Amino acid sequence: MNPYVLDFSNIDKSDLPLVGGKGANLGKLSKINDIMCSRRFLYNY
């Protein structure tokens, strides 16, 4: 995958400086089994 495109399932709180607070929280939410969400990506430029 392009280094500027991250799958939310690969993002955690250690990525906060790279993806920001919203991106880190969406990454955390994407890992919760009870929450239905489609596959999403973060574009980081």
C-alpha atoms as a PDB file:
ATOM      1  CA  MET A   1       0.000   0.000   0.000  1.00  0.00           C
ATOM      2  CA  ASN A   2       1.149   3.546  -0.686  1.00  0.00           C
ATOM      3  CA  PRO A   3       2.915   5.068   2.384  1.00  0.00           C
ATOM      4  CA  TYR A   4       0.467   7.988   2.223  1.00  0.00           C
ATOM      5  CA  VAL A   5      -2.602   5.732   2.394  1.00  0.00           C
ATOM      6  CA  LEU A   6      -3.283   3.872   5.641  1.00  0.00           C
ATOM      7  CA  ASP A   7      -5.975   1.298   6.343  1.00  0.00           C
ATOM      8  CA  PHE A   8      -7.778   2.179   9.587  1.00  0.00           C
ATOM      9  CA  SER A   9      -7.326  -1.409  10.793  1.00  0.00           C
ATOM     10  CA  ASN A  10      -3.561  -0.743  10.880  1.00  0.00           C
ATOM     11  CA  ILE A  11      -3.789   2.520  12.850  1.00  0.00           C
ATOM     12  CA  ASP A  12      -3.481   2.728  16.633  1.00  0.00           C
ATOM     13  CA  LYS A  13      -2.679   5.375  19.251  1.00  0.00           C
ATOM     14  CA  SER A  14       1.054   5.170  18.501  1.00  0.00           C
ATOM     15  CA  ASP A  15       0.249   6.686  15.076  1.00  0.00           C
ATOM     16  CA  LEU A  16      -1.247   9.828  16.644  1.00  0.00           C
ATOM     17  CA  PRO A  17       1.550  12.178  15.429  1.00  0.00           C
ATOM     18  CA  LEU A  18       1.127  10.854  11.891  1.00  0.00           C
ATOM     19  CA  VAL A  19      -2.679  10.587  11.583  1.00  0.00           C
ATOM     20  CA  GLY A  20      -3.944  13.069  14.193  1.00  0.00           C
ATOM     21  CA  GLY A  21      -6.561  12.559  16.867  1.00  0.00           C
ATOM     22  CA  LYS A  22      -9.514  11.901  14.580  1.00  0.00           C
ATOM     23  CA  GLY A  23      -7.577   9.362  12.503  1.00  0.00           C
ATOM     24  CA  ALA A  24      -6.279   7.561  15.609  1.00  0.00           C
ATOM     25  CA  ASN A  25      -9.769   7.377  17.126  1.00  0.00           C
ATOM     26  CA  LEU A  26     -11.286   6.086  13.880  1.00  0.00           C
ATOM     27  CA  GLY A  27      -8.567   3.438  13.787  1.00  0.00           C
ATOM     28  CA  LYS A  28      -9.491   2.430  17.332  1.00  0.00           C
ATOM     29  CA  LEU A  29     -13.215   2.282  16.477  1.00  0.00           C
ATOM     30  CA  SER A  30     -12.554   0.128  13.419  1.00  0.00           C
ATOM     31  CA  LYS A  31     -11.144  -2.594  15.694  1.00  0.00           C
ATOM     32  CA  ILE A  32     -14.299  -2.903  17.853  1.00  0.00           C
ATOM     33  CA  ASN A  33     -16.254  -5.955  16.711  1.00  0.00           C
ATOM     34  CA  ASP A  34     -19.686  -4.618  17.748  1.00  0.00           C
ATOM     35  CA  ILE A  35     -19.371  -1.541  15.531  1.00  0.00           C
ATOM     36  CA  MET A  36     -20.272  -2.074  11.890  1.00  0.00           C
ATOM     37  CA  CYS A  37     -18.219   0.049   9.531  1.00  0.00           C
ATOM     38  CA  SER A  38     -17.146  -0.341   5.959  1.00  0.00           C
ATOM     39  CA  ARG A  39     -13.492  -0.590   5.092  1.00  0.00           C
ATOM     40  CA  ARG A  40     -11.974   2.889   5.240  1.00  0.00           C
ATOM     41  CA  PHE A  41      -8.637   4.446   4.444  1.00  0.00           C
ATOM     42  CA  LEU A  42      -6.830   7.523   5.655  1.00  0.00           C
ATOM     43  CA  TYR A  43      -4.973   9.640   3.115  1.00  0.00           C
ATOM     44  CA  ASN A  44      -2.011  11.304   4.803  1.00  0.00           C
ATOM     45  CA  TYR A  45      -0.162  14.006   2.893  1.00  0.00           C
END
